[in-house]
Amino acid sequence: MKLSVLMPVYNEQATLQKVLDRVLAIAWQKEVDVEFVIVNDGSKDNTKDILDGIQDDRVTVFHQPVNRGKGAAIRKAASLAGGDYLIICDADEEYRPSEIPMLVQPILDGEAKIVYGTRTFGSHTSFSYWYVIGNRGVNLFTNIIFNSYVSDVETCYKLMPTKLYRSLKITSNGFGMEAEITGKLLARGYRPYEIPISYKARTRAEGKKITAWDGVEALWILLKIRLREGSRRQPPAVDPF
């Protein structure tokens, strides 16, 4: 199995080097060959210099000339990916990269095709009560309209076949891409295999970028997908991925 780890980066000089060190030091299963595709999404700080200093043959870096959003950065990274599977990994410290192999294991065991890392929220991991309520609201809305049970629609850790991701044709340029991915998977009858992961949210002062408007946008995206594509209760009889 070859895995492509896709990393969108925008003005992350404060955490980038530490995250890169952690990502590049991951102890992978012997069956896994890995590459890292990093897209600098028009950063205006020292992000470019940090990325240009990477000396690891597994890493590919692409610099977007202007900021276009997380969705656009991932779309570019996915086009450059050479792996059989891909997973998205943000360049902040909210997630633990060392847990990615835990998500890979069900794929290797033949138990899953799509794996989500499901976050748990607590007083020491969540900077805002309303952020958690908004997250749960998006989950509830998704599960009602698709008759599913997904614990964390907005999680960054989404692992799936690269061809499947590309076939979704994600068009959202910003954070709406998370809801669009999940909505399109559910509309096609796919149900992610979920594994609990560690999580520690950043504050606004530490660089948290997502806003309440992104939650509203996610609801609208999900509703459009449901109305346009419908939902099947079972995965496709013949799964091309």
Protein backbone atom coordinates (compact mmCIF):
# COMPACT_ATOMS: atom_id res chain seq x y z
CA MET A 1 0.00 0.00 0.00
CA LYS A 2 1.26 3.46 -0.88
CA LEU A 3 -0.18 6.30 1.18
CA SER A 4 -0.17 9.98 0.24
CA VAL A 5 -0.32 12.34 3.23
CA LEU A 6 -1.75 15.64 1.99
CA MET A 7 -0.93 18.75 4.02
CA PRO A 8 -2.43 22.20 3.30
CA VAL A 9 -0.46 25.03 4.88
CA TYR A 10 -1.39 28.68 5.34
CA ASN A 11 0.57 31.01 7.64
CA GLU A 12 1.59 28.21 10.02
CA GLN A 13 5.14 29.27 10.84
CA ALA A 14 4.46 28.96 14.58
CA THR A 15 3.68 25.22 14.43
CA LEU A 16 4.86 24.04 11.01
CA GLN A 17 8.37 22.85 11.85
CA LYS A 18 7.19 20.90 14.88
CA VAL A 19 4.39 19.26 12.91
CA LEU A 20 6.74 18.43 10.04
CA ASP A 21 9.17 16.79 12.46
CA ARG A 22 6.35 14.70 13.91
CA VAL A 23 4.94 13.72 10.53
CA LEU A 24 8.28 12.72 9.08
CA ALA A 25 9.11 10.68 12.20
CA ILE A 26 5.96 8.53 12.07
CA ALA A 27 6.65 4.82 12.51
CA TRP A 28 4.73 3.20 9.65
CA GLN A 29 3.70 -0.41 9.22
CA LYS A 30 6.14 -2.38 7.08
CA GLU A 31 3.43 -2.79 4.41
CA VAL A 32 3.11 0.99 3.96
CA ASP A 33 5.09 3.13 1.54
CA VAL A 34 4.44 6.82 2.16
CA GLU A 35 4.80 10.18 0.46
CA PHE A 36 3.99 13.67 1.71
CA VAL A 37 2.42 16.27 -0.57
CA ILE A 38 2.47 19.74 0.98
CA VAL A 39 0.71 22.72 -0.58
CA ASN A 40 1.63 26.17 0.67
CA ASP A 41 -1.60 28.09 0.12
CA GLY A 42 -0.16 31.56 -0.48
CA SER A 43 1.30 32.03 3.00
CA LYS A 44 2.61 35.49 3.84
CA ASP A 45 4.81 34.53 6.79
CA ASN A 46 7.93 32.34 6.83
CA THR A 47 6.06 29.17 5.84
CA LYS A 48 7.66 29.10 2.37
CA ASP A 49 11.19 29.25 3.78
CA ILE A 50 10.46 26.43 6.23
CA LEU A 51 9.05 24.22 3.48
CA ASP A 52 11.91 24.97 1.10
CA GLY A 53 14.30 23.79 3.81
CA ILE A 54 12.87 20.25 3.93
CA GLN A 55 15.41 17.61 2.96
CA ASP A 56 13.44 14.41 2.64
CA ASP A 57 12.93 12.55 -0.65
CA ARG A 58 9.42 11.55 0.42
CA VAL A 59 8.23 15.17 0.39
CA THR A 60 6.78 17.14 -2.53
CA VAL A 61 6.09 20.85 -1.97
CA PHE A 62 3.93 23.07 -4.15
CA HIS A 63 3.54 26.81 -3.60
CA GLN A 64 0.18 28.35 -4.53
CA PRO A 65 0.81 31.96 -5.68
CA VAL A 66 -2.23 33.25 -3.75
CA ASN A 67 -4.39 32.00 -0.89
CA ARG A 68 -7.38 30.06 -2.23
CA GLY A 69 -8.53 28.06 0.81
CA LYS A 70 -8.09 24.61 2.31
CA GLY A 71 -10.31 22.91 -0.25
CA ALA A 72 -8.33 24.34 -3.15
CA ALA A 73 -5.04 23.37 -1.52
CA ILE A 74 -6.21 19.78 -1.01
CA ARG A 75 -7.53 19.63 -4.56
CA LYS A 76 -4.06 20.55 -5.82
CA ALA A 77 -2.35 18.12 -3.45
CA ALA A 78 -4.67 15.29 -4.55
CA SER A 79 -3.81 15.97 -8.18
CA LEU A 80 -0.12 15.50 -7.33
CA ALA A 81 -0.60 12.44 -5.13
CA GLY A 82 0.85 9.15 -6.31
CA GLY A 83 -0.48 6.91 -3.56
CA ASP A 84 -3.20 4.26 -3.65
CA TYR A 85 -4.75 5.94 -0.61
CA LEU A 86 -4.65 9.46 0.77
CA ILE A 87 -5.23 11.15 4.08
CA ILE A 88 -5.41 14.83 4.97
CA CYS A 89 -3.19 16.14 7.78
CA ASP A 90 -3.33 19.79 8.87
CA ALA A 91 -0.17 21.73 9.70
CA ASP A 92 -1.30 22.80 13.16
CA GLU A 93 -0.98 20.92 16.45
CA GLU A 94 -4.64 20.01 16.90
CA TYR A 95 -4.13 16.42 15.74
CA ARG A 96 -1.43 13.83 16.53
CA PRO A 97 0.22 12.62 13.31
CA SER A 98 1.56 9.59 15.20
CA GLU A 99 -2.01 8.23 15.25
CA ILE A 100 -2.32 8.04 11.45
CA PRO A 101 -0.97 4.44 11.27
CA MET A 102 -3.81 3.48 13.63
CA LEU A 103 -6.24 4.66 10.93
CA VAL A 104 -4.34 2.78 8.24
CA GLN A 105 -4.57 -0.57 10.04
CA PRO A 106 -8.23 -1.36 9.18
CA ILE A 107 -7.33 -0.82 5.50
CA LEU A 108 -4.42 -3.25 5.78
CA ASP A 109 -6.64 -5.74 7.59
CA GLY A 110 -9.26 -5.56 4.84
CA GLU A 111 -11.91 -4.32 7.27
CA ALA A 112 -12.49 -0.91 5.73
CA LYS A 113 -12.12 1.19 2.61
CA ILE A 114 -12.73 4.61 4.17
CA VAL A 115 -11.56 5.51 7.69
CA TYR A 116 -12.37 8.64 9.71
CA GLY A 117 -10.52 9.72 12.83
CA THR A 118 -13.29 10.74 15.23
CA ARG A 119 -12.47 13.51 17.70
CA THR A 120 -13.61 13.58 21.31
CA PHE A 121 -14.16 16.92 23.00
CA GLY A 122 -13.50 17.77 26.64
CA SER A 123 -12.78 20.80 28.80
CA HIS A 124 -9.04 20.58 28.12
CA THR A 125 -9.40 20.01 24.36
CA SER A 126 -12.06 22.51 23.28
CA PHE A 127 -11.54 26.26 23.28
CA SER A 128 -15.23 27.08 22.83
CA TYR A 129 -18.53 25.54 23.97
CA TRP A 130 -20.27 26.95 20.90
CA TYR A 131 -17.67 25.38 18.60
CA VAL A 132 -18.50 21.95 20.03
CA ILE A 133 -22.26 22.58 19.81
CA GLY A 134 -21.84 23.71 16.20
CA ASN A 135 -19.87 20.58 15.40
CA ARG A 136 -22.54 18.37 16.93
CA GLY A 137 -25.22 20.30 15.05
CA VAL A 138 -23.53 19.59 11.72
CA ASN A 139 -23.24 15.90 12.66
CA LEU A 140 -26.92 15.71 13.65
CA PHE A 141 -28.09 17.43 10.47
CA THR A 142 -25.94 15.12 8.32
CA ASN A 143 -27.18 11.96 9.99
CA ILE A 144 -30.83 13.00 9.72
CA ILE A 145 -30.83 13.89 6.05
CA PHE A 146 -28.67 10.91 4.97
CA ASN A 147 -30.12 8.40 7.49
CA SER A 148 -26.60 7.61 8.68
CA TYR A 149 -24.53 7.80 11.84
CA VAL A 150 -21.28 9.68 11.39
CA SER A 151 -19.69 10.90 14.61
CA ASP A 152 -17.44 13.60 13.17
CA VAL A 153 -18.30 15.03 9.74
CA GLU A 154 -15.70 17.79 10.00
CA THR A 155 -12.69 15.75 11.10
CA CYS A 156 -9.49 16.44 9.19
CA TYR A 157 -8.41 12.79 9.29
CA LYS A 158 -10.23 11.25 6.34
CA LEU A 159 -8.52 8.23 4.76
CA MET A 160 -9.74 6.76 1.47
CA PRO A 161 -8.62 5.51 -1.95
CA THR A 162 -7.09 8.31 -4.01
CA LYS A 163 -9.22 7.42 -7.03
CA LEU A 164 -12.35 7.60 -4.90
CA TYR A 165 -11.43 11.03 -3.57
CA ARG A 166 -10.76 12.34 -7.07
CA SER A 167 -14.08 10.93 -8.29
CA LEU A 168 -15.92 13.05 -5.70
CA LYS A 169 -14.87 16.16 -7.63
CA ILE A 170 -14.75 18.40 -4.56
CA THR A 171 -15.40 22.01 -5.57
CA SER A 172 -15.45 23.84 -2.22
CA ASN A 173 -12.37 26.03 -1.87
CA GLY A 174 -12.62 26.60 1.87
CA PHE A 175 -13.48 24.55 4.95
CA GLY A 176 -16.72 23.49 3.28
CA MET A 177 -14.73 20.76 1.60
CA GLU A 178 -14.99 18.65 4.78
CA ALA A 179 -18.78 18.57 4.64
CA GLU A 180 -18.72 18.10 0.86
CA ILE A 181 -16.51 15.03 1.13
CA THR A 182 -18.72 13.39 3.75
CA GLY A 183 -21.96 14.34 2.01
CA LYS A 184 -20.86 12.92 -1.33
CA LEU A 185 -19.59 9.71 0.27
CA LEU A 186 -22.88 9.19 2.11
CA ALA A 187 -24.88 10.03 -1.01
CA ARG A 188 -23.04 7.25 -2.83
CA GLY A 189 -23.80 4.75 -0.08
CA TYR A 190 -20.38 4.69 1.57
CA ARG A 191 -20.15 4.60 5.37
CA PRO A 192 -16.80 5.53 6.96
CA TYR A 193 -15.16 3.24 9.48
CA GLU A 194 -14.57 5.43 12.54
CA ILE A 195 -11.70 5.31 15.06
CA PRO A 196 -11.39 7.65 18.09
CA ILE A 197 -8.39 9.99 17.92
CA SER A 198 -6.77 12.61 20.14
CA TYR A 199 -7.58 16.27 19.59
CA LYS A 200 -6.74 19.63 21.13
CA ALA A 201 -8.34 22.70 19.57
CA ARG A 202 -6.41 25.93 19.11
CA THR A 203 -7.73 29.28 20.27
CA ARG A 204 -8.20 32.28 17.99
CA ALA A 205 -5.00 33.76 19.37
CA GLU A 206 -3.17 30.56 18.46
CA GLY A 207 -4.38 30.66 14.88
CA LYS A 208 -7.80 28.96 14.78
CA LYS A 209 -9.30 29.91 11.41
CA ILE A 210 -12.70 28.21 11.15
CA THR A 211 -15.73 30.39 11.99
CA ALA A 212 -19.46 30.03 12.65
CA TRP A 213 -20.08 30.96 9.02
CA ASP A 214 -18.19 27.84 7.96
CA GLY A 215 -20.73 25.80 9.93
CA VAL A 216 -23.63 27.46 8.14
CA GLU A 217 -21.92 26.85 4.81
CA ALA A 218 -21.45 23.17 5.73
CA LEU A 219 -25.20 22.76 6.33
CA TRP A 220 -26.02 24.35 2.97
CA ILE A 221 -23.49 22.15 1.15
CA LEU A 222 -24.87 19.00 2.76
CA LEU A 223 -28.45 19.92 1.90
CA LYS A 224 -27.56 20.62 -1.73
CA ILE A 225 -25.83 17.26 -2.03
CA ARG A 226 -28.79 15.45 -0.46
CA LEU A 227 -31.27 17.11 -2.80
CA ARG A 228 -29.10 16.67 -5.89
CA GLU A 229 -27.62 13.22 -5.42
CA GLY A 230 -29.97 11.49 -2.99
CA SER A 231 -28.80 8.71 -0.70
CA ARG A 232 -28.54 4.97 -1.12
CA ARG A 233 -28.82 2.74 1.91
CA GLN A 234 -26.18 0.31 0.67
CA PRO A 235 -22.79 0.79 -1.03
CA PRO A 236 -22.69 0.23 -4.79
CA ALA A 237 -23.14 -3.42 -5.77
CA VAL A 238 -19.96 -3.21 -7.82
CA ASP A 239 -17.46 -0.97 -6.07
CA PRO A 240 -14.84 0.32 -8.55
CA PHE A 241 -12.56 1.47 -5.74
